[in-house]
PDB file of all heavy atoms in Angstrom:
ATOM      1  N   LEU A   1      69.876 -20.942  32.889  1.00  0.00           N
ATOM      2  CA  LEU A   1      71.026 -20.759  33.815  1.00  0.00           C
ATOM      3  C   LEU A   1      72.072 -21.873  33.526  1.00  0.00           C
ATOM      4  O   LEU A   1      71.748 -22.987  33.280  1.00  0.00           O
ATOM      5  CB  LEU A   1      70.559 -20.837  35.269  1.00  0.00           C
ATOM      6  CG  LEU A   1      71.599 -20.411  36.303  1.00  0.00           C
ATOM      7  CD1 LEU A   1      71.690 -18.899  36.357  1.00  0.00           C
ATOM      8  CD2 LEU A   1      71.260 -20.944  37.656  1.00  0.00           C
ATOM      9  N   VAL A   2      73.332 -21.442  33.537  1.00  0.00           N
ATOM     10  CA  VAL A   2      74.451 -22.380  33.383  1.00  0.00           C
ATOM     11  C   VAL A   2      75.221 -22.367  34.691  1.00  0.00           C
ATOM     12  O   VAL A   2      75.612 -21.309  35.231  1.00  0.00           O
ATOM     13  CB  VAL A   2      75.387 -21.986  32.269  1.00  0.00           C
ATOM     14  CG1 VAL A   2      76.588 -22.876  32.197  1.00  0.00           C
ATOM     15  CG2 VAL A   2      74.655 -22.037  30.890  1.00  0.00           C
ATOM     16  N   GLU A   3      75.447 -23.549  35.257  1.00  0.00           N
ATOM     17  CA  GLU A   3      76.233 -23.698  36.465  1.00  0.00           C
ATOM     18  C   GLU A   3      77.544 -24.422  36.130  1.00  0.00           C
ATOM     19  O   GLU A   3      77.572 -25.450  35.484  1.00  0.00           O
ATOM     20  CB  GLU A   3      75.485 -24.519  37.537  1.00  0.00           C
ATOM     21  CG  GLU A   3      76.304 -24.790  38.792  1.00  0.00           C
ATOM     22  CD  GLU A   3      75.482 -25.603  39.863  1.00  0.00           C
ATOM     23  OE1 GLU A   3      74.258 -25.614  39.766  1.00  0.00           O
ATOM     24  OE2 GLU A   3      76.176 -26.206  40.694  1.00  0.00           O
ATOM     25  N   ILE A   4      78.684 -23.808  36.567  1.00  0.00           N
ATOM     26  CA  ILE A   4      79.970 -24.399  36.308  1.00  0.00           C
ATOM     27  C   ILE A   4      80.706 -24.528  37.625  1.00  0.00           C
ATOM     28  O   ILE A   4      80.858 -23.532  38.392  1.00  0.00           O
ATOM     29  CB  ILE A   4      80.777 -23.430  35.362  1.00  0.00           C
ATOM     30  CG1 ILE A   4      80.065 -23.280  34.080  1.00  0.00           C
ATOM     31  CG2 ILE A   4      82.176 -24.054  35.105  1.00  0.00           C
ATOM     32  CD1 ILE A   4      80.692 -22.243  33.121  1.00  0.00           C
ATOM     33  N   ASN A   5      81.155 -25.692  37.933  1.00  0.00           N
ATOM     34  CA  ASN A   5      81.833 -25.995  39.169  1.00  0.00           C
ATOM     35  C   ASN A   5      83.275 -26.390  38.984  1.00  0.00           C
ATOM     36  O   ASN A   5      83.603 -27.143  38.013  1.00  0.00           O
ATOM     37  CB  ASN A   5      81.145 -27.133  39.970  1.00  0.00           C
ATOM     38  CG  ASN A   5      79.758 -26.659  40.531  1.00  0.00           C
ATOM     39  OD1 ASN A   5      79.706 -25.980  41.501  1.00  0.00           O
ATOM     40  ND2 ASN A   5      78.730 -27.072  39.843  1.00  0.00           N
ATOM     41  N   LEU A   6      84.127 -25.908  39.876  1.00  0.00           N
ATOM     42  CA  LEU A   6      85.594 -26.131  39.677  1.00  0.00           C
ATOM     43  C   LEU A   6      86.226 -26.426  41.048  1.00  0.00           C
ATOM     44  O   LEU A   6      86.000 -25.708  42.034  1.00  0.00           O
ATOM     45  CB  LEU A   6      86.199 -24.881  39.077  1.00  0.00           C
ATOM     46  CG  LEU A   6      87.756 -24.801  39.071  1.00  0.00           C
ATOM     47  CD1 LEU A   6      88.355 -25.892  38.225  1.00  0.00           C
ATOM     48  CD2 LEU A   6      88.205 -23.421  38.516  1.00  0.00           C
ATOM     49  N   ASP A   7      87.037 -27.452  41.094  1.00  0.00           N
ATOM     50  CA  ASP A   7      87.805 -27.856  42.267  1.00  0.00           C
ATOM     51  C   ASP A   7      89.275 -27.496  41.911  1.00  0.00           C
ATOM     52  O   ASP A   7      89.864 -28.058  41.020  1.00  0.00           O
ATOM     53  CB  ASP A   7      87.638 -29.324  42.572  1.00  0.00           C
ATOM     54  CG  ASP A   7      88.493 -29.765  43.753  1.00  0.00           C
ATOM     55  OD1 ASP A   7      89.230 -28.954  44.334  1.00  0.00           O
ATOM     56  OD2 ASP A   7      88.385 -30.994  44.105  1.00  0.00           O
ATOM     57  N   LEU A   8      89.850 -26.543  42.679  1.00  0.00           N
ATOM     58  CA  LEU A   8      91.243 -26.133  42.395  1.00  0.00           C
ATOM     59  C   LEU A   8      92.279 -27.075  42.982  1.00  0.00           C
ATOM     60  O   LEU A   8      93.475 -26.887  42.743  1.00  0.00           O
ATOM     61  CB  LEU A   8      91.451 -24.730  43.015  1.00  0.00           C
ATOM     62  CG  LEU A   8      90.635 -23.598  42.382  1.00  0.00           C
ATOM     63  CD1 LEU A   8      90.906 -22.290  43.195  1.00  0.00           C
ATOM     64  CD2 LEU A   8      90.908 -23.372  40.932  1.00  0.00           C
ATOM     65  N   GLY A   9      91.821 -28.090  43.721  1.00  0.00           N
ATOM     66  CA  GLY A   9      92.747 -29.101  44.262  1.00  0.00           C
ATOM     67  C   GLY A   9      93.236 -28.799  45.652  1.00  0.00           C
ATOM     68  O   GLY A   9      93.545 -29.750  46.432  1.00  0.00           O
ATOM     69  N   GLN A  10      93.343 -27.557  46.018  1.00  0.00           N
ATOM     70  CA  GLN A  10      93.720 -27.146  47.379  1.00  0.00           C
ATOM     71  C   GLN A  10      93.283 -25.664  47.523  1.00  0.00           C
ATOM     72  O   GLN A  10      92.846 -25.050  46.610  1.00  0.00           O
ATOM     73  CB  GLN A  10      95.246 -27.241  47.580  1.00  0.00           C
ATOM     74  CG  GLN A  10      96.054 -26.284  46.736  1.00  0.00           C
ATOM     75  CD  GLN A  10      97.526 -26.470  46.954  1.00  0.00           C
ATOM     76  OE1 GLN A  10      98.101 -27.442  46.430  1.00  0.00           O
ATOM     77  NE2 GLN A  10      98.196 -25.556  47.646  1.00  0.00           N
ATOM     78  N   VAL A  11      93.406 -25.167  48.746  1.00  0.00           N
ATOM     79  CA  VAL A  11      92.994 -23.820  49.064  1.00  0.00           C
ATOM     80  C   VAL A  11      94.036 -22.841  48.515  1.00  0.00           C
ATOM     81  O   VAL A  11      95.215 -22.987  48.782  1.00  0.00           O
ATOM     82  CB  VAL A  11      92.765 -23.583  50.549  1.00  0.00           C
ATOM     83  CG1 VAL A  11      92.435 -22.098  50.865  1.00  0.00           C
ATOM     84  CG2 VAL A  11      91.654 -24.485  51.094  1.00  0.00           C
ATOM     85  N   PHE A  12      93.551 -21.855  47.745  1.00  0.00           N
ATOM     86  CA  PHE A  12      94.391 -20.795  47.243  1.00  0.00           C
ATOM     87  C   PHE A  12      93.812 -19.425  47.568  1.00  0.00           C
ATOM     88  O   PHE A  12      92.641 -19.281  47.906  1.00  0.00           O
ATOM     89  CB  PHE A  12      94.527 -20.864  45.694  1.00  0.00           C
ATOM     90  CG  PHE A  12      95.325 -22.037  45.174  1.00  0.00           C
ATOM     91  CD1 PHE A  12      94.653 -23.145  44.719  1.00  0.00           C
ATOM     92  CD2 PHE A  12      96.706 -21.973  45.149  1.00  0.00           C
ATOM     93  CE1 PHE A  12      95.430 -24.232  44.234  1.00  0.00           C
ATOM     94  CE2 PHE A  12      97.422 -23.042  44.651  1.00  0.00           C
ATOM     95  CZ  PHE A  12      96.796 -24.171  44.224  1.00  0.00           C
ATOM     96  N   ASP A  13      94.656 -18.384  47.457  1.00  0.00           N
ATOM     97  CA  ASP A  13      94.139 -17.007  47.503  1.00  0.00           C
ATOM     98  C   ASP A  13      93.746 -16.608  46.098  1.00  0.00           C
ATOM     99  O   ASP A  13      94.625 -16.560  45.207  1.00  0.00           O
ATOM    100  CB  ASP A  13      95.277 -16.084  47.999  1.00  0.00           C
ATOM    101  CG  ASP A  13      95.617 -16.376  49.477  1.00  0.00           C
ATOM    102  OD1 ASP A  13      94.713 -16.300  50.332  1.00  0.00           O
ATOM    103  OD2 ASP A  13      96.787 -16.610  49.748  1.00  0.00           O
ATOM    104  N   VAL A  14      92.483 -16.444  45.859  1.00  0.00           N
ATOM    105  CA  VAL A  14      91.914 -16.164  44.523  1.00  0.00           C
ATOM    106  C   VAL A  14      91.664 -14.697  44.331  1.00  0.00           C
ATOM    107  O   VAL A  14      91.040 -14.007  45.172  1.00  0.00           O
ATOM    108  CB  VAL A  14      90.652 -16.960  44.322  1.00  0.00           C
ATOM    109  CG1 VAL A  14      90.031 -16.648  42.937  1.00  0.00           C
ATOM    110  CG2 VAL A  14      90.875 -18.423  44.427  1.00  0.00           C
ATOM    111  N   ASP A  15      92.155 -14.212  43.237  1.00  0.00           N
ATOM    112  CA  ASP A  15      91.962 -12.730  42.934  1.00  0.00           C
ATOM    113  C   ASP A  15      90.751 -12.505  42.011  1.00  0.00           C
ATOM    114  O   ASP A  15      89.863 -11.779  42.343  1.00  0.00           O
ATOM    115  CB  ASP A  15      93.257 -12.185  42.251  1.00  0.00           C
ATOM    116  CG  ASP A  15      93.215 -10.700  42.129  1.00  0.00           C
ATOM    117  OD1 ASP A  15      93.080  -9.995  43.149  1.00  0.00           O
ATOM    118  OD2 ASP A  15      93.326 -10.187  40.990  1.00  0.00           O
ATOM    119  N   GLN A  16      90.795 -13.148  40.805  1.00  0.00           N
ATOM    120  CA  GLN A  16      89.784 -12.921  39.819  1.00  0.00           C
ATOM    121  C   GLN A  16      89.370 -14.187  39.128  1.00  0.00           C
ATOM    122  O   GLN A  16      90.179 -15.120  39.024  1.00  0.00           O
ATOM    123  CB  GLN A  16      90.269 -11.902  38.783  1.00  0.00           C
ATOM    124  CG  GLN A  16      90.531 -10.505  39.244  1.00  0.00           C
ATOM    125  CD  GLN A  16      91.088  -9.641  38.127  1.00  0.00           C
ATOM    126  OE1 GLN A  16      91.660 -10.118  37.165  1.00  0.00           O
ATOM    127  NE2 GLN A  16      90.839  -8.363  38.216  1.00  0.00           N
ATOM    128  N   VAL A  17      88.175 -14.168  38.558  1.00  0.00           N
ATOM    129  CA  VAL A  17      87.739 -15.172  37.611  1.00  0.00           C
ATOM    130  C   VAL A  17      87.514 -14.451  36.282  1.00  0.00           C
ATOM    131  O   VAL A  17      86.860 -13.411  36.259  1.00  0.00           O
ATOM    132  CB  VAL A  17      86.465 -15.941  38.074  1.00  0.00           C
ATOM    133  CG1 VAL A  17      85.937 -16.810  36.926  1.00  0.00           C
ATOM    134  CG2 VAL A  17      86.792 -16.753  39.310  1.00  0.00           C
ATOM    135  N   LYS A  18      87.996 -15.020  35.161  1.00  0.00           N
ATOM    136  CA  LYS A  18      87.777 -14.393  33.838  1.00  0.00           C
ATOM    137  C   LYS A  18      87.034 -15.388  32.961  1.00  0.00           C
ATOM    138  O   LYS A  18      87.474 -16.525  32.849  1.00  0.00           O
ATOM    139  CB  LYS A  18      89.120 -14.000  33.223  1.00  0.00           C
ATOM    140  CG  LYS A  18      89.818 -12.824  33.884  1.00  0.00           C
ATOM    141  CD  LYS A  18      91.060 -12.456  33.142  1.00  0.00           C
ATOM    142  CE  LYS A  18      91.727 -11.232  33.709  1.00  0.00           C
ATOM    143  NZ  LYS A  18      92.902 -10.838  32.916  1.00  0.00           N
ATOM    144  N   ILE A  19      85.976 -14.915  32.324  1.00  0.00           N
ATOM    145  CA  ILE A  19      85.223 -15.723  31.390  1.00  0.00           C
ATOM    146  C   ILE A  19      85.417 -15.147  30.006  1.00  0.00           C
ATOM    147  O   ILE A  19      84.993 -14.000  29.734  1.00  0.00           O
ATOM    148  CB  ILE A  19      83.717 -15.764  31.748  1.00  0.00           C
ATOM    149  CG1 ILE A  19      83.510 -16.288  33.194  1.00  0.00           C
ATOM    150  CG2 ILE A  19      82.963 -16.599  30.753  1.00  0.00           C
ATOM    151  CD1 ILE A  19      82.040 -16.241  33.619  1.00  0.00           C
ATOM    152  N   HIS A  20      86.039 -15.907  29.150  1.00  0.00           N
ATOM    153  CA  HIS A  20      86.183 -15.446  27.756  1.00  0.00           C
ATOM    154  C   HIS A  20      84.992 -15.929  26.960  1.00  0.00           C
ATOM    155  O   HIS A  20      84.731 -17.132  26.809  1.00  0.00           O
ATOM    156  CB  HIS A  20      87.496 -16.122  27.187  1.00  0.00           C
ATOM    157  CG  HIS A  20      88.746 -15.650  27.839  1.00  0.00           C
ATOM    158  ND1 HIS A  20      89.646 -14.803  27.263  1.00  0.00           N
ATOM    159  CD2 HIS A  20      89.267 -15.928  29.111  1.00  0.00           C
ATOM    160  CE1 HIS A  20      90.659 -14.581  28.105  1.00  0.00           C
ATOM    161  NE2 HIS A  20      90.414 -15.237  29.201  1.00  0.00           N
ATOM    162  N   THR A  21      84.250 -14.953  26.408  1.00  0.00           N
ATOM    163  CA  THR A  21      82.963 -15.229  25.855  1.00  0.00           C
ATOM    164  C   THR A  21      82.777 -14.426  24.590  1.00  0.00           C
ATOM    165  O   THR A  21      83.709 -13.760  24.087  1.00  0.00           O
ATOM    166  CB  THR A  21      81.828 -14.970  26.907  1.00  0.00           C
ATOM    167  OG1 THR A  21      80.576 -15.398  26.356  1.00  0.00           O
ATOM    168  CG2 THR A  21      81.793 -13.522  27.275  1.00  0.00           C
ATOM    169  N   VAL A  22      81.538 -14.444  24.053  1.00  0.00           N
ATOM    170  CA  VAL A  22      81.253 -13.751  22.774  1.00  0.00           C
ATOM    171  C   VAL A  22      79.789 -13.295  22.792  1.00  0.00           C
ATOM    172  O   VAL A  22      78.964 -13.891  23.483  1.00  0.00           O
ATOM    173  CB  VAL A  22      81.547 -14.685  21.571  1.00  0.00           C
ATOM    174  CG1 VAL A  22      80.556 -15.805  21.492  1.00  0.00           C
ATOM    175  CG2 VAL A  22      81.555 -13.883  20.253  1.00  0.00           C
ATOM    176  N   GLY A  23      79.494 -12.241  22.045  1.00  0.00           N
ATOM    177  CA  GLY A  23      78.151 -11.741  21.907  1.00  0.00           C
ATOM    178  C   GLY A  23      78.107 -10.701  20.792  1.00  0.00           C
ATOM    179  O   GLY A  23      79.078 -10.494  20.084  1.00  0.00           O
ATOM    180  N   GLY A  24      76.987  -9.995  20.757  1.00  0.00           N
ATOM    181  CA  GLY A  24      76.858  -8.961  19.713  1.00  0.00           C
ATOM    182  C   GLY A  24      75.684  -9.128  18.836  1.00  0.00           C
ATOM    183  O   GLY A  24      75.406  -8.290  17.977  1.00  0.00           O
ATOM    184  N   GLY A  25      74.951 -10.248  18.969  1.00  0.00           N
ATOM    185  CA  GLY A  25      73.657 -10.463  18.275  1.00  0.00           C
ATOM    186  C   GLY A  25      73.697 -11.405  17.065  1.00  0.00           C
ATOM    187  O   GLY A  25      72.637 -11.696  16.552  1.00  0.00           O
ATOM    188  N   ARG A  26      74.819 -11.808  16.645  1.00  0.00           N
ATOM    189  CA  ARG A  26      74.880 -12.743  15.479  1.00  0.00           C
ATOM    190  C   ARG A  26      74.186 -14.007  15.817  1.00  0.00           C
ATOM    191  O   ARG A  26      74.503 -14.661  16.845  1.00  0.00           O
ATOM    192  CB  ARG A  26      76.359 -12.963  15.031  1.00  0.00           C
ATOM    193  CG  ARG A  26      76.405 -13.921  13.851  1.00  0.00           C
ATOM    194  CD  ARG A  26      77.805 -13.973  13.299  1.00  0.00           C
ATOM    195  NE  ARG A  26      77.923 -14.871  12.132  1.00  0.00           N
ATOM    196  CZ  ARG A  26      78.958 -15.048  11.393  1.00  0.00           C
ATOM    197  NH1 ARG A  26      80.016 -14.313  11.613  1.00  0.00           N
ATOM    198  NH2 ARG A  26      78.943 -15.877  10.350  1.00  0.00           N
ATOM    199  N   ALA A  27      73.242 -14.429  14.960  1.00  0.00           N
ATOM    200  CA  ALA A  27      72.475 -15.700  15.176  1.00  0.00           C
ATOM    201  C   ALA A  27      71.821 -15.675  16.507  1.00  0.00           C
ATOM    202  O   ALA A  27      71.551 -16.776  17.112  1.00  0.00           O
ATOM    203  CB  ALA A  27      73.372 -16.940  15.018  1.00  0.00           C
ATOM    204  N   GLY A  28      71.500 -14.526  17.107  1.00  0.00           N
ATOM    205  CA  GLY A  28      70.840 -14.390  18.391  1.00  0.00           C
ATOM    206  C   GLY A  28      71.768 -14.634  19.546  1.00  0.00           C
ATOM    207  O   GLY A  28      71.288 -14.688  20.715  1.00  0.00           O
ATOM    208  N   VAL A  29      73.037 -14.737  19.328  1.00  0.00           N
ATOM    209  CA  VAL A  29      74.045 -14.920  20.394  1.00  0.00           C
ATOM    210  C   VAL A  29      74.408 -13.613  21.063  1.00  0.00           C
ATOM    211  O   VAL A  29      74.953 -12.738  20.398  1.00  0.00           O
ATOM    212  CB  VAL A  29      75.292 -15.691  19.875  1.00  0.00           C
ATOM    213  CG1 VAL A  29      76.293 -15.789  21.020  1.00  0.00           C
ATOM    214  CG2 VAL A  29      74.937 -17.044  19.299  1.00  0.00           C
ATOM    215  N   GLU A  30      74.142 -13.515  22.337  1.00  0.00           N
ATOM    216  CA  GLU A  30      74.454 -12.308  23.099  1.00  0.00           C
ATOM    217  C   GLU A  30      75.343 -12.654  24.279  1.00  0.00           C
ATOM    218  O   GLU A  30      75.445 -13.819  24.684  1.00  0.00           O
ATOM    219  CB  GLU A  30      73.127 -11.612  23.600  1.00  0.00           C
ATOM    220  CG  GLU A  30      72.119 -11.286  22.542  1.00  0.00           C
ATOM    221  CD  GLU A  30      72.511 -10.039  21.724  1.00  0.00           C
ATOM    222  OE1 GLU A  30      73.672  -9.572  21.904  1.00  0.00           O
ATOM    223  OE2 GLU A  30      71.651  -9.588  20.950  1.00  0.00           O
ATOM    224  N   TYR A  31      75.956 -11.655  24.870  1.00  0.00           N
ATOM    225  CA  TYR A  31      76.715 -11.832  26.068  1.00  0.00           C
ATOM    226  C   TYR A  31      75.742 -12.230  27.225  1.00  0.00           C
ATOM    227  O   TYR A  31      74.581 -11.859  27.209  1.00  0.00           O
ATOM    228  CB  TYR A  31      77.444 -10.572  26.482  1.00  0.00           C
ATOM    229  CG  TYR A  31      78.373 -10.035  25.422  1.00  0.00           C
ATOM    230  CD1 TYR A  31      77.993  -8.882  24.761  1.00  0.00           C
ATOM    231  CD2 TYR A  31      79.553 -10.708  25.093  1.00  0.00           C
ATOM    232  CE1 TYR A  31      78.848  -8.385  23.716  1.00  0.00           C
ATOM    233  CE2 TYR A  31      80.376 -10.211  24.129  1.00  0.00           C
ATOM    234  CZ  TYR A  31      80.038  -9.044  23.389  1.00  0.00           C
ATOM    235  OH  TYR A  31      80.825  -8.571  22.445  1.00  0.00           O
TER     236      TYR A  31
END
């Protein structure tokens, strides 16, 4: 499990979180 914590500095109205990642099986790396 990977835990990632983020402080935005103040309260905002948040719509989405996007994670830019990679997968597909090369060298055992999957999404």
